[in-house]
Amino acid sequence: MEKISIIGIDIAKNTFQLHGAGSDGATVFRKSLPRTRVIEFLSRLPSCVVAMEACSGAHHWGREISALGHEVRLIAPRYVKPYVKRQKNDAADAEAIAEAASRPSMRFVAVKGEDQQAQAMLLKTRDLLTGQRTQTVNALRGHLAEHGLVVPKGMQNLQRLQDAVAEHEARLPAIVVSLCQLLTDEIQRLTASIDDLTLRIRREVQTNETAQRLSAMPGIGPITAMTLATLAPPTDMFCKGRDFAAWVGLTPRQHSTGGKTRLGKTSKMGQKDIRRLLIIGAMAVIQAAGRTGGPKPGSWLARMLSRKPKMLVAVALANKMARVAWALISRGEAYRVPA
């Protein structure tokens, strides 16, 4: 068999498609294997580059294949799609993965460790339960509005919802009262679970040196600090903080041609949880400044708020926060208040 330079693997539930190529890009083999035989097959091959799309299960397979001595490269699926030739099938996908991974300018996703993935699961589980609680509260509000009981939205008005049901219990159908109690109990159960997960995240922050340094920055709390420390890619993937802010999606989308620069809305690239939390934290900084008489006169924030809408300033401030966070992580320094 000709010397194999790179192997592209199309991951699936049960059957994996492998495409091996030589150093000149010529096809060496095409093979379809059940997932139980992939490691056995790769263990018999000499060390080479193994490329996969960064999808579900890719990090697990990346760790397993790296242990065999191969170099693992994970690629974002959107970077693989341009290399798929005509018909879309597993063999074409595996070939496209191998072709994309061989490009010298290709960007790759770092393989996450088990502890890192465990912390990411903790964060994502909390987000899932928070979304379910919001959905349940909105459902309760919507059902009560159908019976003429209108209460402002927000978790802070949950007690008002309960009081409204108790006050009008006599005129409401019995099934409505019982279902409202069911939804209320579900909200309280979700709240207890969310509080427990929040406490566990705070404990994780206390043992994570990077998250502790990030927590010292205004607008970054334990949740955001842990998200940055866990979900952000290695800082050596970016030359400077501006590149990291662009990856997060806090820079304008560009559609320029003919020497004319056209900038649009934010690109919304990268990890959406990091972007969302940074914008929420930036808005919290702006609101905190408003409660204390406004930002310091002559500061960047004061100049921006004097001529721009709050939401636009929040996104710009989130961009600055992303760049500072990259500097803190990459240099291992502590946050210093600007002069």
Protein backbone atom coordinates (compact mmCIF):
# COMPACT_ATOMS: atom_id res chain seq x y z
CA MET A 1 0.00 0.00 0.00
CA GLU A 2 1.26 3.48 -0.90
CA LYS A 3 2.33 5.59 2.09
CA ILE A 4 -0.70 7.31 3.61
CA SER A 5 -0.36 11.01 4.40
CA ILE A 6 -3.87 11.92 5.52
CA ILE A 7 -7.12 10.11 6.33
CA GLY A 8 -10.50 11.77 6.20
CA ILE A 9 -13.23 10.21 8.36
CA ASP A 10 -16.92 10.91 7.96
CA ILE A 11 -18.43 10.20 11.39
CA ALA A 12 -21.87 8.60 11.64
CA LYS A 13 -23.94 6.68 14.19
CA ASN A 14 -22.90 3.20 13.10
CA THR A 15 -20.90 3.17 9.85
CA PHE A 16 -17.84 5.38 9.31
CA GLN A 17 -16.47 6.21 5.86
CA LEU A 18 -12.67 6.54 5.56
CA HIS A 19 -10.72 8.13 2.72
CA GLY A 20 -6.94 7.75 2.67
CA ALA A 21 -4.74 9.97 0.51
CA GLY A 22 -1.03 10.16 -0.19
CA SER A 23 1.24 13.17 0.07
CA ASP A 24 0.39 14.12 -3.53
CA GLY A 25 -3.36 13.98 -2.81
CA ALA A 26 -3.92 10.76 -4.78
CA THR A 27 -6.45 8.32 -3.35
CA VAL A 28 -4.85 5.38 -1.52
CA PHE A 29 -7.99 3.68 -0.20
CA ARG A 30 -11.70 4.14 0.38
CA LYS A 31 -13.19 2.06 3.16
CA SER A 32 -16.47 1.75 5.06
CA LEU A 33 -16.16 0.43 8.62
CA PRO A 34 -18.52 -0.13 11.56
CA ARG A 35 -17.69 2.06 14.53
CA THR A 36 -16.42 -0.95 16.50
CA ARG A 37 -13.60 -1.57 13.98
CA VAL A 38 -12.35 1.98 13.40
CA ILE A 39 -9.78 2.00 16.22
CA GLU A 40 -8.57 -1.48 15.30
CA PHE A 41 -8.04 -0.44 11.67
CA LEU A 42 -6.23 2.82 12.52
CA SER A 43 -3.99 1.09 15.06
CA ARG A 44 -2.46 -0.96 12.22
CA LEU A 45 -1.55 2.09 10.15
CA PRO A 46 1.61 4.18 10.50
CA SER A 47 1.27 7.60 12.09
CA CYS A 48 -0.44 10.11 9.81
CA VAL A 49 -2.94 12.99 9.87
CA VAL A 50 -6.53 11.98 10.67
CA ALA A 51 -9.15 14.64 9.90
CA MET A 52 -12.80 14.77 10.95
CA GLU A 53 -15.59 17.29 11.04
CA ALA A 54 -16.05 18.96 14.44
CA CYS A 55 -19.46 17.42 15.11
CA SER A 56 -21.07 15.27 17.79
CA GLY A 57 -18.60 12.70 19.10
CA ALA A 58 -15.63 14.20 17.25
CA HIS A 59 -13.75 15.15 20.42
CA HIS A 60 -14.14 11.64 21.84
CA TRP A 61 -12.82 10.09 18.63
CA GLY A 62 -10.08 12.72 18.52
CA ARG A 63 -8.81 11.63 21.93
CA GLU A 64 -9.02 7.94 21.06
CA ILE A 65 -7.19 8.36 17.74
CA SER A 66 -4.55 10.66 19.23
CA ALA A 67 -3.71 7.93 21.72
CA LEU A 68 -2.73 5.74 18.74
CA GLY A 69 -0.05 8.24 17.71
CA HIS A 70 -1.91 9.93 14.88
CA GLU A 71 -2.24 13.71 14.47
CA VAL A 72 -5.93 14.65 14.74
CA ARG A 73 -7.39 17.67 12.96
CA LEU A 74 -10.98 18.75 13.50
CA ILE A 75 -12.56 21.05 10.93
CA ALA A 76 -15.73 23.12 11.16
CA PRO A 77 -18.33 21.59 8.77
CA ARG A 78 -18.79 24.89 6.93
CA TYR A 79 -15.15 24.78 5.86
CA VAL A 80 -15.56 21.25 4.45
CA LYS A 81 -18.66 21.90 2.34
CA PRO A 82 -16.86 23.77 -0.51
CA TYR A 83 -14.70 20.69 -1.16
CA VAL A 84 -17.61 18.28 -1.70
CA LYS A 85 -17.75 17.34 -5.40
CA ARG A 86 -21.19 17.18 -6.98
CA GLN A 87 -23.12 14.33 -5.33
CA LYS A 88 -23.44 14.34 -1.55
CA ASN A 89 -22.67 10.97 0.06
CA ASP A 90 -20.45 9.58 2.82
CA ALA A 91 -17.56 8.75 0.48
CA ALA A 92 -17.61 12.25 -1.03
CA ASP A 93 -17.76 13.78 2.45
CA ALA A 94 -14.75 11.78 3.65
CA GLU A 95 -12.78 12.80 0.56
CA ALA A 96 -13.74 16.44 1.09
CA ILE A 97 -12.62 16.28 4.73
CA ALA A 98 -9.21 14.93 3.70
CA GLU A 99 -8.89 17.59 0.99
CA ALA A 100 -9.87 20.44 3.31
CA ALA A 101 -7.51 19.28 6.07
CA SER A 102 -4.58 19.27 3.64
CA ARG A 103 -4.95 22.99 2.88
CA PRO A 104 -2.14 25.00 4.53
CA SER A 105 -4.44 27.92 5.37
CA MET A 106 -7.21 25.80 6.91
CA ARG A 107 -8.40 26.60 10.44
CA PHE A 108 -8.86 23.73 12.88
CA VAL A 109 -10.75 23.10 16.10
CA ALA A 110 -8.75 22.03 19.13
CA VAL A 111 -9.64 18.63 20.60
CA LYS A 112 -11.24 19.07 24.03
CA GLY A 113 -10.30 16.95 27.02
CA GLU A 114 -12.79 14.98 29.11
CA ASP A 115 -12.70 17.47 32.01
CA GLN A 116 -13.28 20.36 29.62
CA GLN A 117 -16.25 18.60 28.07
CA ALA A 118 -17.63 17.81 31.54
CA GLN A 119 -17.51 21.49 32.48
CA ALA A 120 -19.14 22.40 29.16
CA MET A 121 -21.94 19.93 29.92
CA LEU A 122 -22.46 21.61 33.30
CA LEU A 123 -22.84 25.01 31.61
CA LYS A 124 -25.10 23.73 28.84
CA THR A 125 -27.33 21.82 31.26
CA ARG A 126 -27.89 24.99 33.26
CA ASP A 127 -28.75 26.88 30.05
CA LEU A 128 -31.18 24.11 29.07
CA LEU A 129 -33.00 24.21 32.41
CA THR A 130 -33.09 28.02 32.36
CA GLY A 131 -34.74 27.93 28.94
CA GLN A 132 -37.26 25.34 30.13
CA ARG A 133 -38.12 27.49 33.14
CA THR A 134 -38.64 30.55 30.94
CA GLN A 135 -40.82 28.49 28.61
CA THR A 136 -42.92 27.22 31.54
CA VAL A 137 -43.39 30.69 33.03
CA ASN A 138 -44.48 32.05 29.64
CA ALA A 139 -46.90 29.15 29.24
CA LEU A 140 -48.42 29.90 32.64
CA ARG A 141 -48.78 33.59 31.78
CA GLY A 142 -50.33 32.77 28.43
CA HIS A 143 -52.90 30.35 29.87
CA LEU A 144 -53.93 32.80 32.59
CA ALA A 145 -54.25 35.60 30.02
CA GLU A 146 -56.86 33.44 28.26
CA HIS A 147 -58.92 33.70 31.46
CA GLY A 148 -58.46 37.46 31.86
CA LEU A 149 -55.58 37.39 34.35
CA VAL A 150 -52.75 39.47 32.89
CA VAL A 151 -49.44 39.70 34.76
CA PRO A 152 -46.19 41.32 33.50
CA LYS A 153 -43.57 38.92 32.17
CA GLY A 154 -40.47 37.92 34.10
CA MET A 155 -39.53 35.48 36.84
CA GLN A 156 -39.86 38.28 39.38
CA ASN A 157 -43.63 38.25 38.79
CA LEU A 158 -44.12 34.55 39.52
CA GLN A 159 -45.57 35.34 42.94
CA ARG A 160 -48.08 37.69 41.31
CA LEU A 161 -49.16 34.83 39.06
CA GLN A 162 -49.72 32.60 42.07
CA ASP A 163 -51.61 35.35 43.89
CA ALA A 164 -53.83 35.96 40.85
CA VAL A 165 -54.77 32.26 40.70
CA ALA A 166 -55.51 32.16 44.42
CA GLU A 167 -57.58 35.35 44.27
CA HIS A 168 -59.77 34.17 41.37
CA GLU A 169 -59.82 30.49 42.27
CA ALA A 170 -63.59 30.57 42.82
CA ARG A 171 -64.41 31.63 39.26
CA LEU A 172 -61.71 29.64 37.46
CA PRO A 173 -62.45 26.08 36.31
CA ALA A 174 -61.07 23.46 38.66
CA ILE A 175 -58.86 21.96 35.94
CA VAL A 176 -57.27 25.37 35.29
CA VAL A 177 -56.40 25.77 38.96
CA SER A 178 -54.90 22.28 39.16
CA LEU A 179 -52.84 22.76 35.97
CA CYS A 180 -51.58 26.16 37.17
CA GLN A 181 -50.42 24.46 40.36
CA LEU A 182 -48.69 21.79 38.26
CA LEU A 183 -46.85 24.45 36.23
CA THR A 184 -45.93 26.36 39.39
CA ASP A 185 -44.46 23.24 40.99
CA GLU A 186 -42.47 22.57 37.80
CA ILE A 187 -41.08 26.12 37.86
CA GLN A 188 -40.03 25.72 41.48
CA ARG A 189 -38.37 22.38 40.70
CA LEU A 190 -36.45 23.89 37.80
CA THR A 191 -35.42 26.86 39.94
CA ALA A 192 -34.00 24.53 42.60
CA SER A 193 -32.04 22.60 39.95
CA ILE A 194 -30.71 25.82 38.39
CA ASP A 195 -29.61 27.13 41.79
CA ASP A 196 -27.81 23.84 42.48
CA LEU A 197 -25.99 23.97 39.12
CA THR A 198 -25.08 27.64 39.69
CA LEU A 199 -23.52 26.71 43.02
CA ARG A 200 -21.53 23.92 41.35
CA ILE A 201 -20.27 26.35 38.71
CA ARG A 202 -19.14 28.77 41.43
CA ARG A 203 -17.21 25.95 43.05
CA GLU A 204 -15.58 25.08 39.73
CA VAL A 205 -14.54 28.72 39.33
CA GLN A 206 -12.80 28.62 42.71
CA THR A 207 -10.59 25.78 41.47
CA ASN A 208 -9.95 27.26 38.01
CA GLU A 209 -7.16 29.84 38.02
CA THR A 210 -8.08 31.26 34.59
CA ALA A 211 -11.74 31.70 35.55
CA GLN A 212 -10.73 33.47 38.76
CA ARG A 213 -8.66 36.03 36.86
CA LEU A 214 -11.48 36.60 34.37
CA SER A 215 -14.00 37.11 37.19
CA ALA A 216 -12.12 40.24 38.29
CA MET A 217 -13.16 42.05 35.09
CA PRO A 218 -16.29 44.25 35.34
CA GLY A 219 -19.23 42.61 33.58
CA ILE A 220 -17.86 39.08 33.90
CA GLY A 221 -19.34 36.92 36.63
CA PRO A 222 -18.77 33.25 37.50
CA ILE A 223 -20.96 31.94 34.64
CA THR A 224 -19.26 34.05 31.95
CA ALA A 225 -15.79 33.39 33.38
CA MET A 226 -16.35 29.64 33.37
CA THR A 227 -17.81 29.76 29.86
CA LEU A 228 -14.76 31.63 28.55
CA ALA A 229 -12.33 29.31 30.31
CA THR A 230 -14.15 26.20 29.04
CA LEU A 231 -15.58 26.95 25.60
CA ALA A 232 -13.08 29.45 24.19
CA PRO A 233 -10.49 27.90 21.82
CA PRO A 234 -6.78 28.03 22.72
CA THR A 235 -5.49 31.60 22.57
CA ASP A 236 -2.57 30.62 20.34
CA MET A 237 -5.10 30.18 17.51
CA PHE A 238 -5.39 33.98 17.37
CA CYS A 239 -2.64 36.50 16.69
CA LYS A 240 -4.30 39.22 18.76
CA GLY A 241 -7.39 40.07 20.75
CA ARG A 242 -9.12 41.55 17.70
CA ASP A 243 -9.04 38.15 16.02
CA PHE A 244 -10.68 36.55 19.06
CA ALA A 245 -13.41 39.24 19.14
CA ALA A 246 -14.03 38.61 15.44
CA TRP A 247 -14.27 34.85 16.08
CA VAL A 248 -16.83 35.45 18.85
CA GLY A 249 -18.91 37.41 16.33
CA LEU A 250 -18.69 40.90 17.82
CA THR A 251 -17.39 42.61 14.68
CA PRO A 252 -19.36 43.81 11.62
CA ARG A 253 -19.99 41.41 8.77
CA GLN A 254 -18.07 42.59 5.71
CA HIS A 255 -19.23 42.45 2.11
CA SER A 256 -16.64 44.57 0.32
CA THR A 257 -15.56 44.57 -3.31
CA GLY A 258 -13.85 46.86 -5.78
CA GLY A 259 -12.03 48.73 -3.05
CA LYS A 260 -15.32 49.78 -1.42
CA THR A 261 -15.70 48.76 2.21
CA ARG A 262 -19.22 47.69 3.17
CA LEU A 263 -19.84 46.78 6.79
CA GLY A 264 -23.12 45.34 8.03
CA LYS A 265 -24.46 43.88 11.25
CA THR A 266 -22.38 41.79 13.63
CA SER A 267 -21.21 38.55 12.05
CA LYS A 268 -22.45 36.31 14.92
CA MET A 269 -19.66 33.82 14.26
CA GLY A 270 -18.01 31.56 16.80
CA GLN A 271 -19.49 30.36 20.10
CA LYS A 272 -22.92 31.94 20.62
CA ASP A 273 -22.95 31.40 24.40
CA ILE A 274 -19.77 33.44 24.84
CA ARG A 275 -21.16 36.24 22.65
CA ARG A 276 -24.50 36.30 24.47
CA LEU A 277 -22.94 36.38 27.94
CA LEU A 278 -20.45 39.10 27.00
CA ILE A 279 -23.24 41.33 25.67
CA ILE A 280 -25.34 40.71 28.80
CA GLY A 281 -22.34 41.55 30.96
CA ALA A 282 -21.65 44.72 28.96
CA MET A 283 -25.25 45.84 29.38
CA ALA A 284 -24.96 45.18 33.12
CA VAL A 285 -21.90 47.48 33.25
CA ILE A 286 -23.85 50.22 31.45
CA GLN A 287 -26.84 49.86 33.77
CA ALA A 288 -24.60 49.87 36.85
CA ALA A 289 -22.95 53.08 35.63
CA GLY A 290 -26.39 54.66 35.16
CA ARG A 291 -27.41 53.83 38.73
CA THR A 292 -24.34 55.61 40.12
CA GLY A 293 -24.77 58.87 38.21
CA GLY A 294 -23.31 57.77 34.89
CA PRO A 295 -19.84 56.72 33.75
CA LYS A 296 -16.79 58.79 34.58
CA PRO A 297 -16.74 62.02 32.52
CA GLY A 298 -14.35 61.81 29.58
CA SER A 299 -14.16 58.02 29.65
CA TRP A 300 -14.69 55.88 26.56
CA LEU A 301 -18.04 54.67 27.88
CA ALA A 302 -19.25 58.21 28.58
CA ARG A 303 -18.30 59.39 25.09
CA MET A 304 -20.01 56.41 23.45
CA LEU A 305 -23.24 56.75 25.47
CA SER A 306 -23.46 60.44 24.63
CA ARG A 307 -23.84 59.75 20.91
CA LYS A 308 -24.84 56.08 20.44
CA PRO A 309 -27.80 53.87 21.49
CA LYS A 310 -27.27 51.72 24.56
CA MET A 311 -27.48 48.40 22.72
CA LEU A 312 -24.87 49.46 20.18
CA VAL A 313 -22.59 50.60 23.00
CA ALA A 314 -23.15 47.26 24.77
CA VAL A 315 -21.95 45.33 21.70
CA ALA A 316 -18.92 47.61 21.36
CA LEU A 317 -18.14 47.17 25.06
CA ALA A 318 -18.55 43.40 24.70
CA ASN A 319 -15.96 43.56 21.90
CA LYS A 320 -13.53 45.32 24.25
CA MET A 321 -14.26 42.76 26.97
CA ALA A 322 -13.51 39.89 24.57
CA ARG A 323 -10.17 41.44 23.65
CA VAL A 324 -9.24 41.99 27.32
CA ALA A 325 -10.30 38.42 28.16
CA TRP A 326 -8.04 37.08 25.40
CA ALA A 327 -5.13 39.09 26.81
CA LEU A 328 -5.75 37.83 30.35
CA ILE A 329 -5.91 34.19 29.20
CA SER A 330 -2.97 34.33 26.81
CA ARG A 331 -0.60 36.29 29.05
CA GLY A 332 -1.65 34.80 32.38
CA GLU A 333 -1.97 38.26 33.93
CA ALA A 334 -4.46 39.70 36.42
CA TYR A 335 -7.00 42.36 35.43
CA ARG A 336 -5.89 45.94 36.03
CA VAL A 337 -8.31 48.86 36.15
CA PRO A 338 -7.56 51.24 33.24
CA ALA A 339 -5.92 54.51 34.23
